Amino acid sequence: MTRATDPQAPDAAMPQVVDQVALARLYGEPLFALPQDLYIPPDALEVFLEAFEGPLDLLLYLIRKQNFNILDIPMVDVTRQYLGYVDEVRSRNLELAAEYLLMAAMLIEIKSRMLLPPRRQEGGAEPEDPRAELVRRLLEYEQIKLAALRLNQVPQYGRDFIRANVFIEQSLQPRFPDVDVAELQQAWAHILKRAKLVQHHRITREELSVREYMSHVLKALQGPRFVPFEDLFQPEKGSTVLLVTFIALLELAKETLIEITQAEAFAPIYVRLAYTPV
């Protein structure tokens, strides 16, 4: 038997066409056919279709997948499917199977309680459904799971977007922002407000002569015999003039040039000359 007709020859598996596309390359050599003695480990082709975050997640998945009413859970079907999944988990991960076994015991307890006749409640109330606590936990877990999914849809920095850093070359000519008329009015009002808070008082000195006002008083007393005391003052000229006039009256009384008289207590005060003018 020649090599060309021997099916066991090494070149029998090679194609006759030289430019055939290779299936793969092994150590740099083209591979046109799969080896017949290829060994694949049993666990190499395992496919995990669903990943659950705990017993409640698995129960909720089984209920929602088969459109069961969560308020009226068929415990027989759900428990059977749940135990089937737990058996798969126990064969691979004993630590992970512990919490699933605890939930399995709870499901079996609920199933057994449903087979027993219900206990009578005090006051004639309806007996509590053994599934009530499980339903409450499932509803709460579903609400939290949906809220987590909505939060996960919110764009996150580093996952959905990144902060862009752009270098902008500054131009040599500065560009000043535009100023609005309202902004100028506010700035002017602020300056006026500050001006009112800071005020300067200037004190001036007014020189008044007592002798001059003594002459004014004597001149005012030349006509009538008696003059009321208040008529000798001029309030419109200010408190300074009033004070100087009062000092002038005291000086004239001291020099006995005038007489200040009063008929009785609390009576009007009058002023007259102490001498008779010529």
Protein backbone atom coordinates (compact mmCIF):
# COMPACT_ATOMS: atom_id res chain seq x y z
CA MET A 1 0.00 0.00 0.00
CA THR A 2 1.45 3.31 -1.00
CA ARG A 3 1.47 6.45 1.10
CA ALA A 4 -0.97 8.24 -1.19
CA THR A 5 -3.58 5.49 -0.80
CA ASP A 6 -2.97 4.74 2.89
CA PRO A 7 -5.68 6.50 4.99
CA GLN A 8 -3.52 6.20 8.10
CA ALA A 9 -0.67 8.12 6.56
CA PRO A 10 0.27 11.39 8.34
CA ASP A 11 -0.59 13.53 5.32
CA ALA A 12 -4.01 11.96 4.78
CA ALA A 13 -5.76 14.57 7.01
CA MET A 14 -4.20 17.47 5.14
CA PRO A 15 -6.34 19.07 2.43
CA GLN A 16 -5.45 18.83 -1.19
CA VAL A 17 -5.97 22.59 -1.67
CA VAL A 18 -2.96 24.49 -0.49
CA ASP A 19 -4.69 27.88 0.07
CA GLN A 20 -7.46 26.48 2.34
CA VAL A 21 -8.15 28.67 5.38
CA ALA A 22 -6.82 27.12 8.61
CA LEU A 23 -9.16 26.56 11.56
CA ALA A 24 -6.50 27.59 14.07
CA ARG A 25 -2.78 27.75 14.65
CA LEU A 26 -0.97 25.50 17.10
CA TYR A 27 2.58 26.57 18.01
CA GLY A 28 2.66 28.66 14.85
CA GLU A 29 1.59 25.83 12.55
CA PRO A 30 -1.78 25.97 10.69
CA LEU A 31 -4.44 23.52 11.83
CA PHE A 32 -6.91 22.51 9.09
CA ALA A 33 -8.81 19.78 11.02
CA LEU A 34 -9.72 19.18 14.63
CA PRO A 35 -7.62 16.52 16.38
CA GLN A 36 -9.41 13.25 17.05
CA ASP A 37 -7.89 12.70 20.52
CA LEU A 38 -8.75 16.19 21.90
CA TYR A 39 -9.60 15.98 25.62
CA ILE A 40 -12.02 18.56 27.06
CA PRO A 41 -12.48 18.62 30.87
CA PRO A 42 -16.10 18.18 32.03
CA ASP A 43 -16.21 21.59 33.77
CA ALA A 44 -14.69 23.48 30.85
CA LEU A 45 -18.00 23.96 29.00
CA GLU A 46 -20.22 24.87 31.94
CA VAL A 47 -22.47 27.83 31.17
CA PHE A 48 -24.04 29.83 33.98
CA LEU A 49 -27.17 31.42 32.57
CA GLU A 50 -28.39 33.12 35.74
CA ALA A 51 -26.52 34.54 38.72
CA PHE A 52 -28.47 35.19 41.90
CA GLU A 53 -27.52 37.39 44.83
CA GLY A 54 -29.21 35.28 47.47
CA PRO A 55 -32.19 33.05 48.27
CA LEU A 56 -34.72 35.87 47.97
CA ASP A 57 -33.35 36.78 44.55
CA LEU A 58 -33.74 33.16 43.41
CA LEU A 59 -37.30 32.92 44.76
CA LEU A 60 -38.28 36.19 43.11
CA TYR A 61 -36.80 34.98 39.82
CA LEU A 62 -38.76 31.71 39.93
CA ILE A 63 -42.02 33.53 40.72
CA ARG A 64 -41.66 36.27 38.11
CA LYS A 65 -40.39 33.92 35.38
CA GLN A 66 -43.53 31.74 35.58
CA ASN A 67 -45.92 34.67 36.20
CA PHE A 68 -47.01 33.38 39.58
CA ASN A 69 -49.11 35.64 41.77
CA ILE A 70 -46.77 36.74 44.53
CA LEU A 71 -49.71 37.10 46.92
CA ASP A 72 -50.76 33.48 46.24
CA ILE A 73 -47.53 31.54 45.74
CA PRO A 74 -47.92 27.87 44.68
CA MET A 75 -45.54 26.48 47.28
CA VAL A 76 -45.34 22.98 45.73
CA ASP A 77 -43.95 24.13 42.37
CA VAL A 78 -41.75 26.85 43.79
CA THR A 79 -40.28 24.58 46.47
CA ARG A 80 -39.52 21.83 43.94
CA GLN A 81 -37.74 24.20 41.57
CA TYR A 82 -35.90 25.86 44.41
CA LEU A 83 -34.63 22.56 45.82
CA GLY A 84 -33.42 21.55 42.35
CA TYR A 85 -31.29 24.69 42.15
CA VAL A 86 -29.99 24.14 45.71
CA ASP A 87 -28.82 20.64 44.78
CA GLU A 88 -26.82 22.14 41.92
CA VAL A 89 -25.27 24.73 44.24
CA ARG A 90 -24.35 22.13 46.91
CA SER A 91 -22.37 20.11 44.40
CA ARG A 92 -20.12 23.09 43.64
CA ASN A 93 -20.00 25.48 46.60
CA LEU A 94 -20.84 24.29 50.09
CA GLU A 95 -20.31 27.71 51.71
CA LEU A 96 -22.72 29.37 49.29
CA ALA A 97 -25.28 26.60 49.75
CA ALA A 98 -25.69 27.27 53.49
CA GLU A 99 -27.95 30.30 53.15
CA TYR A 100 -29.90 28.61 50.36
CA LEU A 101 -30.46 25.57 52.61
CA LEU A 102 -31.84 27.84 55.32
CA MET A 103 -34.40 29.26 52.89
CA ALA A 104 -35.20 25.74 51.69
CA ALA A 105 -36.02 24.72 55.27
CA MET A 106 -38.30 27.74 55.55
CA LEU A 107 -40.11 26.80 52.33
CA ILE A 108 -40.62 23.23 53.52
CA GLU A 109 -41.98 24.53 56.83
CA ILE A 110 -44.45 26.82 55.05
CA LYS A 111 -45.51 23.96 52.78
CA SER A 112 -46.11 21.65 55.77
CA ARG A 113 -48.09 24.34 57.63
CA MET A 114 -50.33 24.79 54.60
CA LEU A 115 -51.11 21.06 54.60
CA LEU A 116 -52.27 21.19 58.23
CA PRO A 117 -55.73 22.52 59.14
CA PRO A 118 -55.58 26.18 60.19
CA ARG A 119 -55.68 27.08 63.85
CA ARG A 120 -58.60 29.05 65.16
CA GLN A 121 -57.80 32.58 66.21
CA GLU A 122 -59.18 34.32 69.26
CA GLY A 123 -62.22 36.48 68.56
CA GLY A 124 -63.17 34.59 65.42
CA ALA A 125 -60.53 36.26 63.24
CA GLU A 126 -59.29 34.58 60.09
CA PRO A 127 -56.11 32.50 60.54
CA GLU A 128 -52.90 34.03 59.27
CA ASP A 129 -51.56 32.77 55.96
CA PRO A 130 -48.23 30.90 56.52
CA ARG A 131 -46.90 32.61 53.38
CA ALA A 132 -47.52 36.14 54.68
CA GLU A 133 -44.04 36.71 56.13
CA LEU A 134 -42.36 35.32 53.00
CA VAL A 135 -44.50 37.53 50.75
CA ARG A 136 -43.60 40.60 52.80
CA ARG A 137 -39.88 39.87 52.54
CA LEU A 138 -40.14 39.24 48.79
CA LEU A 139 -42.00 42.52 48.15
CA GLU A 140 -39.51 44.51 50.20
CA TYR A 141 -36.59 42.88 48.42
CA GLU A 142 -38.15 43.58 45.01
CA GLN A 143 -38.62 47.26 45.86
CA ILE A 144 -35.00 47.57 46.97
CA LYS A 145 -33.78 45.73 43.87
CA LEU A 146 -35.76 47.99 41.51
CA ALA A 147 -34.48 51.08 43.32
CA ALA A 148 -30.91 49.80 42.95
CA LEU A 149 -31.45 49.25 39.23
CA ARG A 150 -32.75 52.80 38.80
CA LEU A 151 -29.75 54.17 40.68
CA ASN A 152 -27.44 52.10 38.51
CA GLN A 153 -28.95 53.73 35.41
CA VAL A 154 -27.83 57.16 36.60
CA PRO A 155 -24.65 58.18 34.74
CA GLN A 156 -21.60 57.66 36.94
CA TYR A 157 -18.22 59.30 36.70
CA GLY A 158 -15.59 56.84 35.54
CA ARG A 159 -18.12 54.33 34.23
CA ASP A 160 -20.35 56.26 31.81
CA PHE A 161 -18.35 59.45 31.37
CA ILE A 162 -15.04 61.01 32.24
CA ARG A 163 -14.09 64.58 32.97
CA ALA A 164 -12.47 66.18 29.95
CA ASN A 165 -9.32 68.23 30.47
CA VAL A 166 -8.75 70.68 27.64
CA PHE A 167 -5.87 73.13 27.52
CA ILE A 168 -6.94 76.45 26.05
CA GLU A 169 -4.19 78.82 25.06
CA GLN A 170 -4.90 82.31 26.33
CA SER A 171 -4.77 85.06 23.76
CA LEU A 172 -2.49 88.04 24.24
CA GLN A 173 -5.35 90.53 24.00
CA PRO A 174 -7.53 90.35 27.15
CA ARG A 175 -11.25 90.02 26.65
CA PHE A 176 -13.28 91.79 29.28
CA PRO A 177 -16.84 90.74 30.09
CA ASP A 178 -19.77 92.88 29.01
CA VAL A 179 -21.31 95.09 31.68
CA ASP A 180 -25.07 95.51 31.90
CA VAL A 181 -26.83 98.78 32.77
CA ALA A 182 -28.48 97.15 35.78
CA GLU A 183 -25.05 96.16 37.12
CA LEU A 184 -23.85 99.77 36.85
CA GLN A 185 -26.93 100.95 38.78
CA GLN A 186 -26.28 98.42 41.52
CA ALA A 187 -22.62 99.48 41.75
CA TRP A 188 -23.58 103.15 41.99
CA ALA A 189 -26.20 102.42 44.68
CA HIS A 190 -23.56 100.51 46.65
CA ILE A 191 -21.17 103.48 46.49
CA LEU A 192 -23.89 105.85 47.74
CA LYS A 193 -24.67 103.51 50.61
CA ARG A 194 -21.02 103.41 51.62
CA ALA A 195 -20.82 107.22 51.41
CA LYS A 196 -23.69 107.56 53.89
CA LEU A 197 -21.90 105.33 56.36
CA VAL A 198 -18.74 107.45 56.23
CA GLN A 199 -19.56 111.12 56.93
CA HIS A 200 -17.23 113.95 57.94
CA HIS A 201 -18.32 116.74 60.30
CA ARG A 202 -16.53 120.05 60.07
CA ILE A 203 -16.60 122.24 63.14
CA THR A 204 -16.11 125.96 62.51
CA ARG A 205 -15.39 128.62 65.08
CA GLU A 206 -17.61 131.69 65.03
CA GLU A 207 -16.17 134.66 66.86
CA LEU A 208 -18.81 136.62 68.77
CA SER A 209 -18.07 139.69 70.87
CA VAL A 210 -19.80 140.03 74.24
CA ARG A 211 -19.16 143.79 74.22
CA GLU A 212 -20.88 144.07 70.87
CA TYR A 213 -24.00 142.34 72.16
CA MET A 214 -23.91 144.45 75.33
CA SER A 215 -24.27 147.44 73.04
CA HIS A 216 -27.19 145.74 71.26
CA VAL A 217 -28.97 145.20 74.58
CA LEU A 218 -28.44 148.80 75.69
CA LYS A 219 -29.71 150.00 72.35
CA ALA A 220 -32.82 147.82 72.67
CA LEU A 221 -33.55 149.35 76.10
CA GLN A 222 -33.38 152.96 74.92
CA GLY A 223 -37.01 153.24 73.94
CA PRO A 224 -39.59 151.83 76.39
CA ARG A 225 -39.13 151.96 80.13
CA PHE A 226 -39.48 148.18 80.69
CA VAL A 227 -38.67 145.44 78.14
CA PRO A 228 -39.68 141.77 78.65
CA PHE A 229 -36.70 139.53 79.25
CA GLU A 230 -37.45 137.18 76.33
CA ASP A 231 -37.74 140.05 73.83
CA LEU A 232 -34.02 140.74 74.16
CA PHE A 233 -33.13 137.40 72.51
CA GLN A 234 -33.19 136.39 68.85
CA PRO A 235 -33.82 132.57 68.60
CA GLU A 236 -33.61 132.55 64.81
CA LYS A 237 -29.86 133.26 65.01
CA GLY A 238 -29.05 130.07 66.82
CA SER A 239 -28.09 128.90 70.27
CA THR A 240 -24.65 130.53 70.08
CA VAL A 241 -26.12 134.02 69.75
CA LEU A 242 -28.58 133.32 72.56
CA LEU A 243 -25.75 132.31 74.86
CA VAL A 244 -23.67 135.41 74.04
CA THR A 245 -26.72 137.65 74.59
CA PHE A 246 -27.37 136.08 77.99
CA ILE A 247 -23.71 136.65 78.99
CA ALA A 248 -24.04 140.25 77.83
CA LEU A 249 -27.08 140.72 80.11
CA LEU A 250 -25.15 139.29 83.05
CA GLU A 251 -22.23 141.63 82.37
CA LEU A 252 -24.55 144.67 82.18
CA ALA A 253 -26.24 143.65 85.45
CA LYS A 254 -22.83 143.21 87.05
CA GLU A 255 -21.81 146.70 85.99
CA THR A 256 -25.19 148.03 87.30
CA LEU A 257 -26.07 149.36 83.89
CA ILE A 258 -29.41 147.53 83.82
CA GLU A 259 -31.98 146.39 86.35
CA ILE A 260 -33.75 143.04 86.18
CA THR A 261 -37.07 143.11 88.06
CA GLN A 262 -39.96 140.76 88.80
CA ALA A 263 -43.22 141.69 90.58
CA GLU A 264 -43.71 138.31 92.27
CA ALA A 265 -42.70 134.69 92.05
CA PHE A 266 -43.29 133.13 88.62
CA ALA A 267 -44.22 136.54 87.25
CA PRO A 268 -42.76 137.84 83.97
CA ILE A 269 -39.21 139.20 84.16
CA TYR A 270 -38.54 142.72 82.88
CA VAL A 271 -35.36 144.57 82.09
CA ARG A 272 -34.76 148.33 82.14
CA LEU A 273 -31.86 150.73 82.18
CA ALA A 274 -30.47 151.57 85.57
CA TYR A 275 -29.98 155.14 84.44
CA THR A 276 -32.09 157.62 82.58
CA PRO A 277 -30.66 158.35 79.16
CA VAL A 278 -30.20 162.03 78.27
